[in-house]
Amino acid sequence: RAQVNFDRPHAIDWARAEQVLLDCR
């Protein structure tokens, strides 16, 4: 876990984030 690069966008669960934003809208 400590070796993961958390400063690259692929570290994010984008599908989940987009669904939450769509729910918000």
PDB file of all heavy atoms in Angstrom:
ATOM      1  N   ARG A   1       0.836  -1.209   0.000  1.00  0.00           N
ATOM      2  CA  ARG A   1       0.000   0.000   0.000  1.00  0.00           C
ATOM      3  C   ARG A   1       0.865   1.251   0.000  1.00  0.00           C
ATOM      4  O   ARG A   1       0.555   2.235  -0.681  1.00  0.00           O
ATOM      5  CB  ARG A   1      -0.909   0.021   1.230  1.00  0.00           C
ATOM      6  CG  ARG A   1      -1.895  -1.123   1.303  1.00  0.00           C
ATOM      7  CD  ARG A   1      -2.757  -1.007   2.555  1.00  0.00           C
ATOM      8  NE  ARG A   1      -3.274  -2.305   2.951  1.00  0.00           N
ATOM      9  CZ  ARG A   1      -4.034  -2.520   4.014  1.00  0.00           C
ATOM     10  NH1 ARG A   1      -4.362  -1.500   4.795  1.00  0.00           N
ATOM     11  NH2 ARG A   1      -4.460  -3.723   4.313  1.00  0.00           N
ATOM     12  N   ALA A   2       1.935   1.224   0.763  1.00  0.00           N
ATOM     13  CA  ALA A   2       2.803   2.395   0.879  1.00  0.00           C
ATOM     14  C   ALA A   2       3.520   2.707  -0.424  1.00  0.00           C
ATOM     15  O   ALA A   2       4.004   3.823  -0.620  1.00  0.00           O
ATOM     16  CB  ALA A   2       3.813   2.180   2.002  1.00  0.00           C
ATOM     17  N   GLN A   3       3.584   1.748  -1.343  1.00  0.00           N
ATOM     18  CA  GLN A   3       4.286   1.941  -2.606  1.00  0.00           C
ATOM     19  C   GLN A   3       3.383   2.499  -3.706  1.00  0.00           C
ATOM     20  O   GLN A   3       3.874   2.879  -4.775  1.00  0.00           O
ATOM     21  CB  GLN A   3       4.896   0.617  -3.068  1.00  0.00           C
ATOM     22  CG  GLN A   3       5.970   0.092  -2.139  1.00  0.00           C
ATOM     23  CD  GLN A   3       6.425  -1.305  -2.524  1.00  0.00           C
ATOM     24  OE1 GLN A   3       6.098  -1.808  -3.601  1.00  0.00           O
ATOM     25  NE2 GLN A   3       7.185  -1.947  -1.641  1.00  0.00           N
ATOM     26  N   VAL A   4       2.080   2.556  -3.471  1.00  0.00           N
ATOM     27  CA  VAL A   4       1.151   3.061  -4.476  1.00  0.00           C
ATOM     28  C   VAL A   4       1.365   4.564  -4.657  1.00  0.00           C
ATOM     29  O   VAL A   4       1.533   5.307  -3.695  1.00  0.00           O
ATOM     30  CB  VAL A   4      -0.308   2.778  -4.061  1.00  0.00           C
ATOM     31  CG1 VAL A   4      -1.283   3.429  -5.044  1.00  0.00           C
ATOM     32  CG2 VAL A   4      -0.545   1.279  -3.982  1.00  0.00           C
ATOM     33  N   ASN A   5       1.359   5.021  -5.905  1.00  0.00           N
ATOM     34  CA  ASN A   5       1.477   6.454  -6.189  1.00  0.00           C
ATOM     35  C   ASN A   5       0.082   7.070  -6.122  1.00  0.00           C
ATOM     36  O   ASN A   5      -0.699   6.972  -7.063  1.00  0.00           O
ATOM     37  CB  ASN A   5       2.095   6.679  -7.566  1.00  0.00           C
ATOM     38  CG  ASN A   5       2.390   8.144  -7.831  1.00  0.00           C
ATOM     39  OD1 ASN A   5       1.864   9.028  -7.154  1.00  0.00           O
ATOM     40  ND2 ASN A   5       3.225   8.407  -8.814  1.00  0.00           N
ATOM     41  N   PHE A   6      -0.219   7.718  -5.001  1.00  0.00           N
ATOM     42  CA  PHE A   6      -1.535   8.311  -4.795  1.00  0.00           C
ATOM     43  C   PHE A   6      -1.652   9.695  -5.417  1.00  0.00           C
ATOM     44  O   PHE A   6      -2.680  10.350  -5.273  1.00  0.00           O
ATOM     45  CB  PHE A   6      -1.846   8.384  -3.298  1.00  0.00           C
ATOM     46  CG  PHE A   6      -2.009   7.030  -2.654  1.00  0.00           C
ATOM     47  CD1 PHE A   6      -0.948   6.418  -2.011  1.00  0.00           C
ATOM     48  CD2 PHE A   6      -3.223   6.366  -2.724  1.00  0.00           C
ATOM     49  CE1 PHE A   6      -1.089   5.167  -1.436  1.00  0.00           C
ATOM     50  CE2 PHE A   6      -3.385   5.117  -2.146  1.00  0.00           C
ATOM     51  CZ  PHE A   6      -2.311   4.509  -1.503  1.00  0.00           C
ATOM     52  N   ASP A   7      -0.616  10.129  -6.113  1.00  0.00           N
ATOM     53  CA  ASP A   7      -0.645  11.432  -6.778  1.00  0.00           C
ATOM     54  C   ASP A   7      -0.866  11.306  -8.271  1.00  0.00           C
ATOM     55  O   ASP A   7      -0.656  12.252  -9.028  1.00  0.00           O
ATOM     56  CB  ASP A   7       0.643  12.203  -6.486  1.00  0.00           C
ATOM     57  CG  ASP A   7       0.706  12.654  -5.036  1.00  0.00           C
ATOM     58  OD1 ASP A   7       0.094  13.680  -4.728  1.00  0.00           O
ATOM     59  OD2 ASP A   7       1.328  11.956  -4.208  1.00  0.00           O
ATOM     60  N   ARG A   8      -1.318  10.148  -8.711  1.00  0.00           N
ATOM     61  CA  ARG A   8      -1.729   9.932 -10.104  1.00  0.00           C
ATOM     62  C   ARG A   8      -3.244   9.731 -10.144  1.00  0.00           C
ATOM     63  O   ARG A   8      -3.815   9.096  -9.258  1.00  0.00           O
ATOM     64  CB  ARG A   8      -1.019   8.713 -10.693  1.00  0.00           C
ATOM     65  CG  ARG A   8       0.492   8.878 -10.785  1.00  0.00           C
ATOM     66  CD  ARG A   8       1.131   7.661 -11.412  1.00  0.00           C
ATOM     67  NE  ARG A   8       0.660   7.458 -12.780  1.00  0.00           N
ATOM     68  CZ  ARG A   8       0.922   6.368 -13.501  1.00  0.00           C
ATOM     69  NH1 ARG A   8       1.619   5.370 -12.976  1.00  0.00           N
ATOM     70  NH2 ARG A   8       0.471   6.256 -14.731  1.00  0.00           N
ATOM     71  N   PRO A   9      -3.908  10.259 -11.160  1.00  0.00           N
ATOM     72  CA  PRO A   9      -5.378  10.190 -11.224  1.00  0.00           C
ATOM     73  C   PRO A   9      -5.949   8.783 -11.201  1.00  0.00           C
ATOM     74  O   PRO A   9      -7.086   8.596 -10.762  1.00  0.00           O
ATOM     75  CB  PRO A   9      -5.706  10.892 -12.544  1.00  0.00           C
ATOM     76  CG  PRO A   9      -4.547  11.803 -12.784  1.00  0.00           C
ATOM     77  CD  PRO A   9      -3.347  11.080 -12.246  1.00  0.00           C
ATOM     78  N   HIS A  10      -5.195   7.795 -11.658  1.00  0.00           N
ATOM     79  CA  HIS A  10      -5.753   6.438 -11.688  1.00  0.00           C
ATOM     80  C   HIS A  10      -5.996   5.879 -10.292  1.00  0.00           C
ATOM     81  O   HIS A  10      -6.629   4.826 -10.138  1.00  0.00           O
ATOM     82  CB  HIS A  10      -4.838   5.507 -12.486  1.00  0.00           C
ATOM     83  CG  HIS A  10      -3.659   4.990 -11.709  1.00  0.00           C
ATOM     84  ND1 HIS A  10      -2.506   5.723 -11.529  1.00  0.00           N
ATOM     85  CD2 HIS A  10      -3.463   3.819 -11.048  1.00  0.00           C
ATOM     86  CE1 HIS A  10      -1.654   5.023 -10.817  1.00  0.00           C
ATOM     87  NE2 HIS A  10      -2.203   3.871 -10.500  1.00  0.00           N
ATOM     88  N   ALA A  11      -5.494   6.560  -9.251  1.00  0.00           N
ATOM     89  CA  ALA A  11      -5.730   6.106  -7.879  1.00  0.00           C
ATOM     90  C   ALA A  11      -7.174   6.329  -7.437  1.00  0.00           C
ATOM     91  O   ALA A  11      -7.597   5.817  -6.398  1.00  0.00           O
ATOM     92  CB  ALA A  11      -4.782   6.829  -6.921  1.00  0.00           C
ATOM     93  N   ILE A  12      -7.938   7.081  -8.230  1.00  0.00           N
ATOM     94  CA  ILE A  12      -9.319   7.427  -7.886  1.00  0.00           C
ATOM     95  C   ILE A  12     -10.308   6.453  -8.521  1.00  0.00           C
ATOM     96  O   ILE A  12     -10.134   6.004  -9.652  1.00  0.00           O
ATOM     97  CB  ILE A  12      -9.640   8.863  -8.350  1.00  0.00           C
ATOM     98  CG1 ILE A  12      -8.813   9.884  -7.573  1.00  0.00           C
ATOM     99  CG2 ILE A  12     -11.127   9.179  -8.231  1.00  0.00           C
ATOM    100  CD1 ILE A  12      -9.162  10.008  -6.104  1.00  0.00           C
ATOM    101  N   ASP A  13     -11.365   6.149  -7.827  1.00  0.00           N
ATOM    102  CA  ASP A  13     -12.484   5.358  -8.357  1.00  0.00           C
ATOM    103  C   ASP A  13     -13.395   6.331  -9.108  1.00  0.00           C
ATOM    104  O   ASP A  13     -14.368   6.855  -8.568  1.00  0.00           O
ATOM    105  CB  ASP A  13     -13.225   4.692  -7.196  1.00  0.00           C
ATOM    106  CG  ASP A  13     -14.378   3.809  -7.660  1.00  0.00           C
ATOM    107  OD1 ASP A  13     -14.721   3.838  -8.863  1.00  0.00           O
ATOM    108  OD2 ASP A  13     -14.960   3.119  -6.807  1.00  0.00           O
ATOM    109  N   TRP A  14     -13.076   6.569 -10.372  1.00  0.00           N
ATOM    110  CA  TRP A  14     -13.770   7.602 -11.147  1.00  0.00           C
ATOM    111  C   TRP A  14     -15.217   7.241 -11.439  1.00  0.00           C
ATOM    112  O   TRP A  14     -16.080   8.123 -11.488  1.00  0.00           O
ATOM    113  CB  TRP A  14     -13.016   7.882 -12.443  1.00  0.00           C
ATOM    114  CG  TRP A  14     -11.736   8.604 -12.199  1.00  0.00           C
ATOM    115  CD1 TRP A  14     -10.466   8.105 -12.277  1.00  0.00           C
ATOM    116  CD2 TRP A  14     -11.595   9.968 -11.792  1.00  0.00           C
ATOM    117  NE1 TRP A  14      -9.549   9.067 -11.952  1.00  0.00           N
ATOM    118  CE2 TRP A  14     -10.211  10.220 -11.654  1.00  0.00           C
ATOM    119  CE3 TRP A  14     -12.503  10.996 -11.532  1.00  0.00           C
ATOM    120  CZ2 TRP A  14      -9.720  11.466 -11.256  1.00  0.00           C
ATOM    121  CZ3 TRP A  14     -12.021  12.232 -11.150  1.00  0.00           C
ATOM    122  CH2 TRP A  14     -10.644  12.457 -11.019  1.00  0.00           C
ATOM    123  N   ALA A  15     -15.502   5.983 -11.645  1.00  0.00           N
ATOM    124  CA  ALA A  15     -16.888   5.581 -11.916  1.00  0.00           C
ATOM    125  C   ALA A  15     -17.782   5.924 -10.731  1.00  0.00           C
ATOM    126  O   ALA A  15     -18.898   6.448 -10.893  1.00  0.00           O
ATOM    127  CB  ALA A  15     -16.951   4.088 -12.234  1.00  0.00           C
ATOM    128  N   ARG A  16     -17.281   5.653  -9.526  1.00  0.00           N
ATOM    129  CA  ARG A  16     -18.063   5.961  -8.322  1.00  0.00           C
ATOM    130  C   ARG A  16     -18.202   7.475  -8.141  1.00  0.00           C
ATOM    131  O   ARG A  16     -19.283   7.978  -7.794  1.00  0.00           O
ATOM    132  CB  ARG A  16     -17.365   5.343  -7.111  1.00  0.00           C
ATOM    133  CG  ARG A  16     -18.090   5.565  -5.787  1.00  0.00           C
ATOM    134  CD  ARG A  16     -19.354   4.707  -5.710  1.00  0.00           C
ATOM    135  NE  ARG A  16     -20.028   4.912  -4.439  1.00  0.00           N
ATOM    136  CZ  ARG A  16     -19.707   4.294  -3.292  1.00  0.00           C
ATOM    137  NH1 ARG A  16     -18.699   3.426  -3.263  1.00  0.00           N
ATOM    138  NH2 ARG A  16     -20.384   4.515  -2.196  1.00  0.00           N
ATOM    139  N   ALA A  17     -17.125   8.213  -8.376  1.00  0.00           N
ATOM    140  CA  ALA A  17     -17.177   9.661  -8.228  1.00  0.00           C
ATOM    141  C   ALA A  17     -18.173  10.288  -9.215  1.00  0.00           C
ATOM    142  O   ALA A  17     -18.971  11.159  -8.843  1.00  0.00           O
ATOM    143  CB  ALA A  17     -15.784  10.257  -8.441  1.00  0.00           C
ATOM    144  N   GLU A  18     -18.142   9.828 -10.439  1.00  0.00           N
ATOM    145  CA  GLU A  18     -19.063  10.389 -11.442  1.00  0.00           C
ATOM    146  C   GLU A  18     -20.511  10.074 -11.092  1.00  0.00           C
ATOM    147  O   GLU A  18     -21.395  10.921 -11.242  1.00  0.00           O
ATOM    148  CB  GLU A  18     -18.729   9.858 -12.833  1.00  0.00           C
ATOM    149  CG  GLU A  18     -19.606  10.462 -13.921  1.00  0.00           C
ATOM    150  CD  GLU A  18     -19.177  10.073 -15.320  1.00  0.00           C
ATOM    151  OE1 GLU A  18     -18.154   9.372 -15.468  1.00  0.00           O
ATOM    152  OE2 GLU A  18     -19.865  10.475 -16.289  1.00  0.00           O
ATOM    153  N   GLN A  19     -20.767   8.866 -10.588  1.00  0.00           N
ATOM    154  CA  GLN A  19     -22.143   8.511 -10.232  1.00  0.00           C
ATOM    155  C   GLN A  19     -22.666   9.391  -9.104  1.00  0.00           C
ATOM    156  O   GLN A  19     -23.820   9.840  -9.131  1.00  0.00           O
ATOM    157  CB  GLN A  19     -22.224   7.039  -9.822  1.00  0.00           C
ATOM    158  CG  GLN A  19     -23.635   6.571  -9.516  1.00  0.00           C
ATOM    159  CD  GLN A  19     -24.586   6.799 -10.684  1.00  0.00           C
ATOM    160  OE1 GLN A  19     -24.354   6.290 -11.778  1.00  0.00           O
ATOM    161  NE2 GLN A  19     -25.649   7.577 -10.459  1.00  0.00           N
ATOM    162  N   VAL A  20     -21.814   9.666  -8.113  1.00  0.00           N
ATOM    163  CA  VAL A  20     -22.230  10.529  -7.011  1.00  0.00           C
ATOM    164  C   VAL A  20     -22.519  11.940  -7.516  1.00  0.00           C
ATOM    165  O   VAL A  20     -23.514  12.573  -7.125  1.00  0.00           O
ATOM    166  CB  VAL A  20     -21.170  10.549  -5.904  1.00  0.00           C
ATOM    167  CG1 VAL A  20     -21.437  11.676  -4.903  1.00  0.00           C
ATOM    168  CG2 VAL A  20     -21.147   9.205  -5.174  1.00  0.00           C
ATOM    169  N   LEU A  21     -21.691  12.462  -8.418  1.00  0.00           N
ATOM    170  CA  LEU A  21     -21.919  13.802  -8.964  1.00  0.00           C
ATOM    171  C   LEU A  21     -23.193  13.851  -9.808  1.00  0.00           C
ATOM    172  O   LEU A  21     -23.924  14.845  -9.778  1.00  0.00           O
ATOM    173  CB  LEU A  21     -20.711  14.249  -9.778  1.00  0.00           C
ATOM    174  CG  LEU A  21     -19.442  14.517  -8.961  1.00  0.00           C
ATOM    175  CD1 LEU A  21     -18.281  14.844  -9.891  1.00  0.00           C
ATOM    176  CD2 LEU A  21     -19.655  15.645  -7.963  1.00  0.00           C
ATOM    177  N   LEU A  22     -23.453  12.790 -10.546  1.00  0.00           N
ATOM    178  CA  LEU A  22     -24.708  12.726 -11.313  1.00  0.00           C
ATOM    179  C   LEU A  22     -25.915  12.704 -10.380  1.00  0.00           C
ATOM    180  O   LEU A  22     -26.936  13.350 -10.652  1.00  0.00           O
ATOM    181  CB  LEU A  22     -24.707  11.492 -12.225  1.00  0.00           C
ATOM    182  CG  LEU A  22     -23.788  11.560 -13.449  1.00  0.00           C
ATOM    183  CD1 LEU A  22     -23.670  10.187 -14.101  1.00  0.00           C
ATOM    184  CD2 LEU A  22     -24.316  12.591 -14.462  1.00  0.00           C
ATOM    185  N   ASP A  23     -25.794  11.963  -9.293  1.00  0.00           N
ATOM    186  CA  ASP A  23     -26.869  11.962  -8.290  1.00  0.00           C
ATOM    187  C   ASP A  23     -27.074  13.369  -7.737  1.00  0.00           C
ATOM    188  O   ASP A  23     -28.217  13.818  -7.541  1.00  0.00           O
ATOM    189  CB  ASP A  23     -26.527  10.991  -7.149  1.00  0.00           C
ATOM    190  CG  ASP A  23     -26.645   9.532  -7.549  1.00  0.00           C
ATOM    191  OD1 ASP A  23     -27.319   9.244  -8.555  1.00  0.00           O
ATOM    192  OD2 ASP A  23     -26.045   8.696  -6.847  1.00  0.00           O
ATOM    193  N   CYS A  24     -25.976  14.059  -7.468  1.00  0.00           N
ATOM    194  CA  CYS A  24     -26.073  15.425  -6.961  1.00  0.00           C
ATOM    195  C   CYS A  24     -26.812  16.327  -7.935  1.00  0.00           C
ATOM    196  O   CYS A  24     -27.717  17.083  -7.538  1.00  0.00           O
ATOM    197  CB  CYS A  24     -24.672  15.999  -6.702  1.00  0.00           C
ATOM    198  SG  CYS A  24     -23.842  15.333  -5.265  1.00  0.00           S
ATOM    199  N   ARG A  25     -26.445  16.262  -9.184  1.00  0.00           N
ATOM    200  CA  ARG A  25     -27.082  17.130 -10.180  1.00  0.00           C
ATOM    201  C   ARG A  25     -28.582  16.862 -10.269  1.00  0.00           C
ATOM    202  O   ARG A  25     -29.373  17.772 -10.513  1.00  0.00           O
ATOM    203  CB  ARG A  25     -26.451  16.950 -11.553  1.00  0.00           C
ATOM    204  CG  ARG A  25     -25.093  17.607 -11.686  1.00  0.00           C
ATOM    205  CD  ARG A  25     -24.856  18.110 -13.088  1.00  0.00           C
ATOM    206  NE  ARG A  25     -25.798  19.165 -13.442  1.00  0.00           N
ATOM    207  CZ  ARG A  25     -25.585  20.468 -13.255  1.00  0.00           C
ATOM    208  NH1 ARG A  25     -24.472  20.875 -12.689  1.00  0.00           N
ATOM    209  NH2 ARG A  25     -26.464  21.355 -13.625  1.00  0.00           N
TER     210      ARG A  25
END
